[in-house]
Amino acid sequence: KMETKYEIFNVGTGKPVSVLELVTRFEKANGVKVPHK
């Protein structure tokens, strides 16, 4: 089904998340603290 002999695809969610937000989400999702600086 390839349309050309060489193809490129992005594989992601399309939703940006900051490093700090990821740490906070991890803490909330798992009920644990992650000491960070």
PDB file of all heavy atoms in Angstrom:
ATOM      1  N   LYS A   1       0.802  -1.230   0.000  1.00  0.00           N
ATOM      2  CA  LYS A   1       0.000   0.000   0.000  1.00  0.00           C
ATOM      3  C   LYS A   1       0.837   1.284   0.000  1.00  0.00           C
ATOM      4  O   LYS A   1       0.280   2.381  -0.026  1.00  0.00           O
ATOM      5  CB  LYS A   1      -0.926   0.002   1.220  1.00  0.00           C
ATOM      6  CG  LYS A   1      -2.063  -1.010   1.109  1.00  0.00           C
ATOM      7  CD  LYS A   1      -2.968  -0.957   2.328  1.00  0.00           C
ATOM      8  CE  LYS A   1      -4.095  -1.985   2.212  1.00  0.00           C
ATOM      9  NZ  LYS A   1      -4.866  -2.091   3.467  1.00  0.00           N
ATOM     10  N   MET A   2       2.154   1.132   0.027  1.00  0.00           N
ATOM     11  CA  MET A   2       2.991   2.337   0.024  1.00  0.00           C
ATOM     12  C   MET A   2       2.784   3.117  -1.274  1.00  0.00           C
ATOM     13  O   MET A   2       2.720   2.528  -2.347  1.00  0.00           O
ATOM     14  CB  MET A   2       4.462   1.959   0.210  1.00  0.00           C
ATOM     15  CG  MET A   2       4.790   1.468   1.611  1.00  0.00           C
ATOM     16  SD  MET A   2       6.536   0.993   1.786  1.00  0.00           S
ATOM     17  CE  MET A   2       7.362   2.579   1.607  1.00  0.00           C
ATOM     18  N   GLU A   3       2.695   4.434  -1.158  1.00  0.00           N
ATOM     19  CA  GLU A   3       2.451   5.278  -2.323  1.00  0.00           C
ATOM     20  C   GLU A   3       3.751   5.703  -2.995  1.00  0.00           C
ATOM     21  O   GLU A   3       3.771   6.025  -4.184  1.00  0.00           O
ATOM     22  CB  GLU A   3       1.627   6.499  -1.902  1.00  0.00           C
ATOM     23  CG  GLU A   3       0.213   6.114  -1.472  1.00  0.00           C
ATOM     24  CD  GLU A   3      -0.531   7.239  -0.769  1.00  0.00           C
ATOM     25  OE1 GLU A   3      -0.098   8.404  -0.900  1.00  0.00           O
ATOM     26  OE2 GLU A   3      -1.530   6.952  -0.084  1.00  0.00           O
ATOM     27  N   THR A   4       4.829   5.723  -2.243  1.00  0.00           N
ATOM     28  CA  THR A   4       6.171   5.955  -2.788  1.00  0.00           C
ATOM     29  C   THR A   4       7.104   4.948  -2.122  1.00  0.00           C
ATOM     30  O   THR A   4       6.737   4.313  -1.129  1.00  0.00           O
ATOM     31  CB  THR A   4       6.661   7.391  -2.503  1.00  0.00           C
ATOM     32  OG1 THR A   4       6.610   7.622  -1.087  1.00  0.00           O
ATOM     33  CG2 THR A   4       5.799   8.424  -3.203  1.00  0.00           C
ATOM     34  N   LYS A   5       8.304   4.801  -2.657  1.00  0.00           N
ATOM     35  CA  LYS A   5       9.225   3.786  -2.134  1.00  0.00           C
ATOM     36  C   LYS A   5       9.792   4.145  -0.766  1.00  0.00           C
ATOM     37  O   LYS A   5      10.297   3.279  -0.055  1.00  0.00           O
ATOM     38  CB  LYS A   5      10.370   3.551  -3.126  1.00  0.00           C
ATOM     39  CG  LYS A   5       9.925   2.829  -4.402  1.00  0.00           C
ATOM     40  CD  LYS A   5      11.120   2.475  -5.257  1.00  0.00           C
ATOM     41  CE  LYS A   5      11.935   1.386  -4.582  1.00  0.00           C
ATOM     42  NZ  LYS A   5      13.231   1.174  -5.261  1.00  0.00           N
ATOM     43  N   TYR A   6       9.709   5.430  -0.414  1.00  0.00           N
ATOM     44  CA  TYR A   6      10.209   5.870   0.891  1.00  0.00           C
ATOM     45  C   TYR A   6       9.182   6.804   1.504  1.00  0.00           C
ATOM     46  O   TYR A   6       8.795   7.800   0.888  1.00  0.00           O
ATOM     47  CB  TYR A   6      11.558   6.581   0.740  1.00  0.00           C
ATOM     48  CG  TYR A   6      12.064   7.221   2.010  1.00  0.00           C
ATOM     49  CD1 TYR A   6      12.334   6.457   3.144  1.00  0.00           C
ATOM     50  CD2 TYR A   6      12.284   8.605   2.075  1.00  0.00           C
ATOM     51  CE1 TYR A   6      12.803   7.044   4.303  1.00  0.00           C
ATOM     52  CE2 TYR A   6      12.752   9.199   3.237  1.00  0.00           C
ATOM     53  CZ  TYR A   6      13.018   8.413   4.349  1.00  0.00           C
ATOM     54  OH  TYR A   6      13.476   8.989   5.507  1.00  0.00           O
ATOM     55  N   GLU A   7       8.731   6.468   2.701  1.00  0.00           N
ATOM     56  CA  GLU A   7       7.707   7.272   3.376  1.00  0.00           C
ATOM     57  C   GLU A   7       8.141   7.610   4.794  1.00  0.00           C
ATOM     58  O   GLU A   7       8.913   6.867   5.414  1.00  0.00           O
ATOM     59  CB  GLU A   7       6.367   6.525   3.405  1.00  0.00           C
ATOM     60  CG  GLU A   7       5.769   6.266   2.028  1.00  0.00           C
ATOM     61  CD  GLU A   7       4.434   5.539   2.076  1.00  0.00           C
ATOM     62  OE1 GLU A   7       4.144   4.842   3.076  1.00  0.00           O
ATOM     63  OE2 GLU A   7       3.681   5.664   1.090  1.00  0.00           O
ATOM     64  N   ILE A   8       7.611   8.719   5.290  1.00  0.00           N
ATOM     65  CA  ILE A   8       7.929   9.197   6.641  1.00  0.00           C
ATOM     66  C   ILE A   8       6.625   9.470   7.381  1.00  0.00           C
ATOM     67  O   ILE A   8       5.690  10.044   6.806  1.00  0.00           O
ATOM     68  CB  ILE A   8       8.746  10.507   6.587  1.00  0.00           C
ATOM     69  CG1 ILE A   8      10.088  10.285   5.891  1.00  0.00           C
ATOM     70  CG2 ILE A   8       8.959  11.079   7.986  1.00  0.00           C
ATOM     71  CD1 ILE A   8      10.780  11.573   5.509  1.00  0.00           C
ATOM     72  N   PHE A   9       6.571   9.047   8.642  1.00  0.00           N
ATOM     73  CA  PHE A   9       5.386   9.334   9.462  1.00  0.00           C
ATOM     74  C   PHE A   9       5.802   9.798  10.852  1.00  0.00           C
ATOM     75  O   PHE A   9       6.692   9.215  11.475  1.00  0.00           O
ATOM     76  CB  PHE A   9       4.506   8.079   9.614  1.00  0.00           C
ATOM     77  CG  PHE A   9       3.915   7.593   8.324  1.00  0.00           C
ATOM     78  CD1 PHE A   9       4.501   6.537   7.642  1.00  0.00           C
ATOM     79  CD2 PHE A   9       2.787   8.183   7.787  1.00  0.00           C
ATOM     80  CE1 PHE A   9       3.974   6.067   6.453  1.00  0.00           C
ATOM     81  CE2 PHE A   9       2.243   7.731   6.595  1.00  0.00           C
ATOM     82  CZ  PHE A   9       2.836   6.673   5.925  1.00  0.00           C
ATOM     83  N   ASN A  10       5.125  10.847  11.342  1.00  0.00           N
ATOM     84  CA  ASN A  10       5.253  11.239  12.744  1.00  0.00           C
ATOM     85  C   ASN A  10       4.419  10.292  13.607  1.00  0.00           C
ATOM     86  O   ASN A  10       3.275   9.988  13.262  1.00  0.00           O
ATOM     87  CB  ASN A  10       4.714  12.656  12.965  1.00  0.00           C
ATOM     88  CG  ASN A  10       5.663  13.728  12.488  1.00  0.00           C
ATOM     89  OD1 ASN A  10       6.858  13.500  12.353  1.00  0.00           O
ATOM     90  ND2 ASN A  10       5.127  14.921  12.228  1.00  0.00           N
ATOM     91  N   VAL A  11       4.993   9.884  14.723  1.00  0.00           N
ATOM     92  CA  VAL A  11       4.246   9.030  15.652  1.00  0.00           C
ATOM     93  C   VAL A  11       4.273   9.688  17.032  1.00  0.00           C
ATOM     94  O   VAL A  11       5.285   9.655  17.737  1.00  0.00           O
ATOM     95  CB  VAL A  11       4.843   7.609  15.724  1.00  0.00           C
ATOM     96  CG1 VAL A  11       3.988   6.736  16.629  1.00  0.00           C
ATOM     97  CG2 VAL A  11       4.924   6.986  14.333  1.00  0.00           C
ATOM     98  N   GLY A  12       3.154  10.310  17.366  1.00  0.00           N
ATOM     99  CA  GLY A  12       3.021  10.989  18.652  1.00  0.00           C
ATOM    100  C   GLY A  12       1.550  11.123  18.997  1.00  0.00           C
ATOM    101  O   GLY A  12       0.695  10.519  18.348  1.00  0.00           O
ATOM    102  N   THR A  13       1.255  11.926  20.007  1.00  0.00           N
ATOM    103  CA  THR A  13      -0.141  12.139  20.404  1.00  0.00           C
ATOM    104  C   THR A  13      -0.680  13.451  19.833  1.00  0.00           C
ATOM    105  O   THR A  13      -1.885  13.642  19.737  1.00  0.00           O
ATOM    106  CB  THR A  13      -0.277  12.217  21.936  1.00  0.00           C
ATOM    107  OG1 THR A  13       0.424  13.380  22.407  1.00  0.00           O
ATOM    108  CG2 THR A  13       0.285  10.967  22.601  1.00  0.00           C
ATOM    109  N   GLY A  14       0.237  14.367  19.508  1.00  0.00           N
ATOM    110  CA  GLY A  14      -0.190  15.695  19.072  1.00  0.00           C
ATOM    111  C   GLY A  14      -0.540  16.621  20.219  1.00  0.00           C
ATOM    112  O   GLY A  14      -0.998  17.737  20.010  1.00  0.00           O
ATOM    113  N   LYS A  15      -0.292  16.152  21.470  1.00  0.00           N
ATOM    114  CA  LYS A  15      -0.637  16.965  22.646  1.00  0.00           C
ATOM    115  C   LYS A  15       0.627  17.262  23.451  1.00  0.00           C
ATOM    116  O   LYS A  15       1.204  16.347  24.052  1.00  0.00           O
ATOM    117  CB  LYS A  15      -1.640  16.214  23.530  1.00  0.00           C
ATOM    118  CG  LYS A  15      -2.958  15.923  22.833  1.00  0.00           C
ATOM    119  CD  LYS A  15      -3.795  14.973  23.670  1.00  0.00           C
ATOM    120  CE  LYS A  15      -5.060  14.552  22.920  1.00  0.00           C
ATOM    121  NZ  LYS A  15      -5.768  13.454  23.592  1.00  0.00           N
ATOM    122  N   PRO A  16       1.052  18.529  23.488  1.00  0.00           N
ATOM    123  CA  PRO A  16       2.259  18.855  24.252  1.00  0.00           C
ATOM    124  C   PRO A  16       2.015  18.840  25.757  1.00  0.00           C
ATOM    125  O   PRO A  16       0.962  19.287  26.231  1.00  0.00           O
ATOM    126  CB  PRO A  16       2.599  20.267  23.778  1.00  0.00           C
ATOM    127  CG  PRO A  16       1.303  20.848  23.341  1.00  0.00           C
ATOM    128  CD  PRO A  16       0.481  19.707  22.813  1.00  0.00           C
ATOM    129  N   VAL A  17       2.972  18.290  26.488  1.00  0.00           N
ATOM    130  CA  VAL A  17       2.914  18.239  27.955  1.00  0.00           C
ATOM    131  C   VAL A  17       4.277  18.707  28.469  1.00  0.00           C
ATOM    132  O   VAL A  17       5.313  18.269  27.969  1.00  0.00           O
ATOM    133  CB  VAL A  17       2.631  16.805  28.455  1.00  0.00           C
ATOM    134  CG1 VAL A  17       2.677  16.741  29.978  1.00  0.00           C
ATOM    135  CG2 VAL A  17       1.267  16.315  27.950  1.00  0.00           C
ATOM    136  N   SER A  18       4.269  19.597  29.464  1.00  0.00           N
ATOM    137  CA  SER A  18       5.547  20.086  29.980  1.00  0.00           C
ATOM    138  C   SER A  18       6.165  19.070  30.936  1.00  0.00           C
ATOM    139  O   SER A  18       5.470  18.199  31.488  1.00  0.00           O
ATOM    140  CB  SER A  18       5.364  21.422  30.701  1.00  0.00           C
ATOM    141  OG  SER A  18       4.850  21.225  32.003  1.00  0.00           O
ATOM    142  N   VAL A  19       7.465  19.199  31.139  1.00  0.00           N
ATOM    143  CA  VAL A  19       8.169  18.300  32.060  1.00  0.00           C
ATOM    144  C   VAL A  19       7.554  18.395  33.454  1.00  0.00           C
ATOM    145  O   VAL A  19       7.285  17.384  34.105  1.00  0.00           O
ATOM    146  CB  VAL A  19       9.674  18.653  32.098  1.00  0.00           C
ATOM    147  CG1 VAL A  19      10.390  17.880  33.195  1.00  0.00           C
ATOM    148  CG2 VAL A  19      10.315  18.377  30.741  1.00  0.00           C
ATOM    149  N   LEU A  20       7.323  19.621  33.905  1.00  0.00           N
ATOM    150  CA  LEU A  20       6.759  19.816  35.247  1.00  0.00           C
ATOM    151  C   LEU A  20       5.347  19.224  35.350  1.00  0.00           C
ATOM    152  O   LEU A  20       4.987  18.606  36.358  1.00  0.00           O
ATOM    153  CB  LEU A  20       6.735  21.314  35.571  1.00  0.00           C
ATOM    154  CG  LEU A  20       6.707  21.716  37.044  1.00  0.00           C
ATOM    155  CD1 LEU A  20       7.837  21.076  37.826  1.00  0.00           C
ATOM    156  CD2 LEU A  20       6.787  23.246  37.161  1.00  0.00           C
ATOM    157  N   GLU A  21       4.560  19.405  34.288  1.00  0.00           N
ATOM    158  CA  GLU A  21       3.203  18.846  34.273  1.00  0.00           C
ATOM    159  C   GLU A  21       3.239  17.325  34.329  1.00  0.00           C
ATOM    160  O   GLU A  21       2.426  16.692  35.019  1.00  0.00           O
ATOM    161  CB  GLU A  21       2.465  19.295  33.010  1.00  0.00           C
ATOM    162  CG  GLU A  21       0.998  18.852  32.957  1.00  0.00           C
ATOM    163  CD  GLU A  21       0.325  19.189  31.636  1.00  0.00           C
ATOM    164  OE1 GLU A  21       0.866  19.978  30.846  1.00  0.00           O
ATOM    165  OE2 GLU A  21      -0.765  18.630  31.405  1.00  0.00           O
ATOM    166  N   LEU A  22       4.217  16.716  33.621  1.00  0.00           N
ATOM    167  CA  LEU A  22       4.311  15.254  33.637  1.00  0.00           C
ATOM    168  C   LEU A  22       4.620  14.750  35.043  1.00  0.00           C
ATOM    169  O   LEU A  22       4.043  13.759  35.500  1.00  0.00           O
ATOM    170  CB  LEU A  22       5.394  14.776  32.660  1.00  0.00           C
ATOM    171  CG  LEU A  22       5.340  13.279  32.351  1.00  0.00           C
ATOM    172  CD1 LEU A  22       4.184  12.947  31.409  1.00  0.00           C
ATOM    173  CD2 LEU A  22       6.655  12.788  31.754  1.00  0.00           C
ATOM    174  N   VAL A  23       5.515  15.434  35.737  1.00  0.00           N
ATOM    175  CA  VAL A  23       5.845  15.047  37.119  1.00  0.00           C
ATOM    176  C   VAL A  23       4.609  15.144  38.007  1.00  0.00           C
ATOM    177  O   VAL A  23       4.297  14.231  38.778  1.00  0.00           O
ATOM    178  CB  VAL A  23       6.992  15.930  37.673  1.00  0.00           C
ATOM    179  CG1 VAL A  23       7.238  15.633  39.152  1.00  0.00           C
ATOM    180  CG2 VAL A  23       8.263  15.715  36.869  1.00  0.00           C
ATOM    181  N   THR A  24       3.877  16.234  37.883  1.00  0.00           N
ATOM    182  CA  THR A  24       2.663  16.447  38.684  1.00  0.00           C
ATOM    183  C   THR A  24       1.604  15.392  38.368  1.00  0.00           C
ATOM    184  O   THR A  24       0.964  14.850  39.279  1.00  0.00           O
ATOM    185  CB  THR A  24       2.096  17.861  38.424  1.00  0.00           C
ATOM    186  OG1 THR A  24       3.114  18.821  38.676  1.00  0.00           O
ATOM    187  CG2 THR A  24       0.899  18.144  39.313  1.00  0.00           C
ATOM    188  N   ARG A  25       1.418  15.103  37.073  1.00  0.00           N
ATOM    189  CA  ARG A  25       0.442  14.078  36.671  1.00  0.00           C
ATOM    190  C   ARG A  25       0.832  12.708  37.227  1.00  0.00           C
ATOM    191  O   ARG A  25      -0.029  11.923  37.643  1.00  0.00           O
ATOM    192  CB  ARG A  25       0.354  14.009  35.137  1.00  0.00           C
ATOM    193  CG  ARG A  25      -0.328  15.197  34.470  1.00  0.00           C
ATOM    194  CD  ARG A  25      -1.847  15.129  34.499  1.00  0.00           C
ATOM    195  NE  ARG A  25      -2.412  14.100  33.665  1.00  0.00           N
ATOM    196  CZ  ARG A  25      -2.794  14.258  32.398  1.00  0.00           C
ATOM    197  NH1 ARG A  25      -2.604  15.413  31.793  1.00  0.00           N
ATOM    198  NH2 ARG A  25      -3.360  13.262  31.736  1.00  0.00           N
ATOM    199  N   PHE A  26       2.131  12.412  37.205  1.00  0.00           N
ATOM    200  CA  PHE A  26       2.607  11.131  37.750  1.00  0.00           C
ATOM    201  C   PHE A  26       2.275  11.033  39.249  1.00  0.00           C
ATOM    202  O   PHE A  26       1.789   9.998  39.726  1.00  0.00           O
ATOM    203  CB  PHE A  26       4.118  10.978  37.532  1.00  0.00           C
ATOM    204  CG  PHE A  26       4.674   9.693  38.089  1.00  0.00           C
ATOM    205  CD1 PHE A  26       4.703   8.545  37.308  1.00  0.00           C
ATOM    206  CD2 PHE A  26       5.135   9.612  39.393  1.00  0.00           C
ATOM    207  CE1 PHE A  26       5.188   7.347  37.823  1.00  0.00           C
ATOM    208  CE2 PHE A  26       5.620   8.432  39.919  1.00  0.00           C
ATOM    209  CZ  PHE A  26       5.657   7.290  39.127  1.00  0.00           C
ATOM    210  N   GLU A  27       2.546  12.109  39.981  1.00  0.00           N
ATOM    211  CA  GLU A  27       2.280  12.111  41.429  1.00  0.00           C
ATOM    212  C   GLU A  27       0.794  11.878  41.711  1.00  0.00           C
ATOM    213  O   GLU A  27       0.428  11.073  42.578  1.00  0.00           O
ATOM    214  CB  GLU A  27       2.731  13.441  42.044  1.00  0.00           C
ATOM    215  CG  GLU A  27       4.244  13.620  42.082  1.00  0.00           C
ATOM    216  CD  GLU A  27       4.651  14.954  42.696  1.00  0.00           C
ATOM    217  OE1 GLU A  27       3.933  15.962  42.510  1.00  0.00           O
ATOM    218  OE2 GLU A  27       5.701  14.989  43.360  1.00  0.00           O
ATOM    219  N   LYS A  28      -0.062  12.577  40.966  1.00  0.00           N
ATOM    220  CA  LYS A  28      -1.509  12.443  41.186  1.00  0.00           C
ATOM    221  C   LYS A  28      -2.023  11.072  40.774  1.00  0.00           C
ATOM    222  O   LYS A  28      -2.842  10.460  41.474  1.00  0.00           O
ATOM    223  CB  LYS A  28      -2.258  13.535  40.402  1.00  0.00           C
ATOM    224  CG  LYS A  28      -2.166  14.906  41.029  1.00  0.00           C
ATOM    225  CD  LYS A  28      -2.957  15.934  40.232  1.00  0.00           C
ATOM    226  CE  LYS A  28      -2.834  17.323  40.845  1.00  0.00           C
ATOM    227  NZ  LYS A  28      -3.434  18.356  39.975  1.00  0.00           N
ATOM    228  N   ALA A  29      -1.560  10.567  39.638  1.00  0.00           N
ATOM    229  CA  ALA A  29      -2.054   9.280  39.124  1.00  0.00           C
ATOM    230  C   ALA A  29      -1.685   8.126  40.043  1.00  0.00           C
ATOM    231  O   ALA A  29      -2.432   7.149  40.155  1.00  0.00           O
ATOM    232  CB  ALA A  29      -1.498   9.026  37.722  1.00  0.00           C
ATOM    233  N   ASN A  30      -0.531   8.255  40.710  1.00  0.00           N
ATOM    234  CA  ASN A  30      -0.033   7.128  41.505  1.00  0.00           C
ATOM    235  C   ASN A  30      -0.047   7.364  43.014  1.00  0.00           C
ATOM    236  O   ASN A  30       0.289   6.459  43.784  1.00  0.00           O
ATOM    237  CB  ASN A  30       1.391   6.785  41.058  1.00  0.00           C
ATOM    238  CG  ASN A  30       1.412   6.217  39.649  1.00  0.00           C
ATOM    239  OD1 ASN A  30       0.870   5.152  39.397  1.00  0.00           O
ATOM    240  ND2 ASN A  30       2.034   6.940  38.718  1.00  0.00           N
ATOM    241  N   GLY A  31      -0.419   8.587  43.419  1.00  0.00           N
ATOM    242  CA  GLY A  31      -0.479   8.873  44.852  1.00  0.00           C
ATOM    243  C   GLY A  31       0.871   8.801  45.534  1.00  0.00           C
ATOM    244  O   GLY A  31       0.984   8.360  46.680  1.00  0.00           O
ATOM    245  N   VAL A  32       1.919   9.226  44.821  1.00  0.00           N
ATOM    246  CA  VAL A  32       3.273   9.223  45.397  1.00  0.00           C
ATOM    247  C   VAL A  32       3.917  10.585  45.175  1.00  0.00           C
ATOM    248  O   VAL A  32       3.485  11.358  44.326  1.00  0.00           O
ATOM    249  CB  VAL A  32       4.166   8.122  44.762  1.00  0.00           C
ATOM    250  CG1 VAL A  32       3.674   6.745  45.136  1.00  0.00           C
ATOM    251  CG2 VAL A  32       4.241   8.281  43.241  1.00  0.00           C
ATOM    252  N   LYS A  33       4.947  10.852  45.951  1.00  0.00           N
ATOM    253  CA  LYS A  33       5.682  12.111  45.807  1.00  0.00           C
ATOM    254  C   LYS A  33       6.966  11.871  45.018  1.00  0.00           C
ATOM    255  O   LYS A  33       7.624  10.844  45.180  1.00  0.00           O
ATOM    256  CB  LYS A  33       6.030  12.682  47.185  1.00  0.00           C
ATOM    257  CG  LYS A  33       4.868  13.460  47.812  1.00  0.00           C
ATOM    258  CD  LYS A  33       4.710  14.801  47.110  1.00  0.00           C
ATOM    259  CE  LYS A  33       3.409  15.496  47.496  1.00  0.00           C
ATOM    260  NZ  LYS A  33       3.007  16.453  46.455  1.00  0.00           N
ATOM    261  N   VAL A  34       7.308  12.840  44.203  1.00  0.00           N
ATOM    262  CA  VAL A  34       8.557  12.791  43.437  1.00  0.00           C
ATOM    263  C   VAL A  34       9.361  14.043  43.785  1.00  0.00           C
ATOM    264  O   VAL A  34       9.112  15.125  43.236  1.00  0.00           O
ATOM    265  CB  VAL A  34       8.291  12.736  41.917  1.00  0.00           C
ATOM    266  CG1 VAL A  34       9.623  12.682  41.151  1.00  0.00           C
ATOM    267  CG2 VAL A  34       7.415  11.547  41.555  1.00  0.00           C
ATOM    268  N   PRO A  35      10.312  13.938  44.727  1.00  0.00           N
ATOM    269  CA  PRO A  35      11.142  15.098  45.053  1.00  0.00           C
ATOM    270  C   PRO A  35      11.867  15.594  43.804  1.00  0.00           C
ATOM    271  O   PRO A  35      12.474  14.794  43.080  1.00  0.00           O
ATOM    272  CB  PRO A  35      12.147  14.553  46.084  1.00  0.00           C
ATOM    273  CG  PRO A  35      11.513  13.307  46.618  1.00  0.00           C
ATOM    274  CD  PRO A  35      10.686  12.743  45.498  1.00  0.00           C
ATOM    275  N   HIS A  36      11.789  16.896  43.533  1.00  0.00           N
ATOM    276  CA  HIS A  36      12.427  17.414  42.327  1.00  0.00           C
ATOM    277  C   HIS A  36      12.957  18.826  42.554  1.00  0.00           C
ATOM    278  O   HIS A  36      12.500  19.536  43.445  1.00  0.00           O
ATOM    279  CB  HIS A  36      11.463  17.392  41.130  1.00  0.00           C
ATOM    280  CG  HIS A  36      10.163  18.090  41.359  1.00  0.00           C
ATOM    281  ND1 HIS A  36       9.086  17.474  41.966  1.00  0.00           N
ATOM    282  CD2 HIS A  36       9.766  19.366  41.066  1.00  0.00           C
ATOM    283  CE1 HIS A  36       8.068  18.331  42.030  1.00  0.00           C
ATOM    284  NE2 HIS A  36       8.456  19.477  41.500  1.00  0.00           N
ATOM    285  N   LYS A  37      13.944  19.178  41.748  1.00  0.00           N
ATOM    286  CA  LYS A  37      14.543  20.510  41.836  1.00  0.00           C
ATOM    287  C   LYS A  37      14.839  21.014  40.427  1.00  0.00           C
ATOM    288  O   LYS A  37      15.015  20.225  39.498  1.00  0.00           O
ATOM    289  CB  LYS A  37      15.832  20.474  42.666  1.00  0.00           C
ATOM    290  CG  LYS A  37      16.931  19.624  42.036  1.00  0.00           C
ATOM    291  CD  LYS A  37      18.169  19.540  42.914  1.00  0.00           C
ATOM    292  CE  LYS A  37      19.212  18.624  42.269  1.00  0.00           C
ATOM    293  NZ  LYS A  37      20.394  18.419  43.100  1.00  0.00           N
TER     294      LYS A  37
END
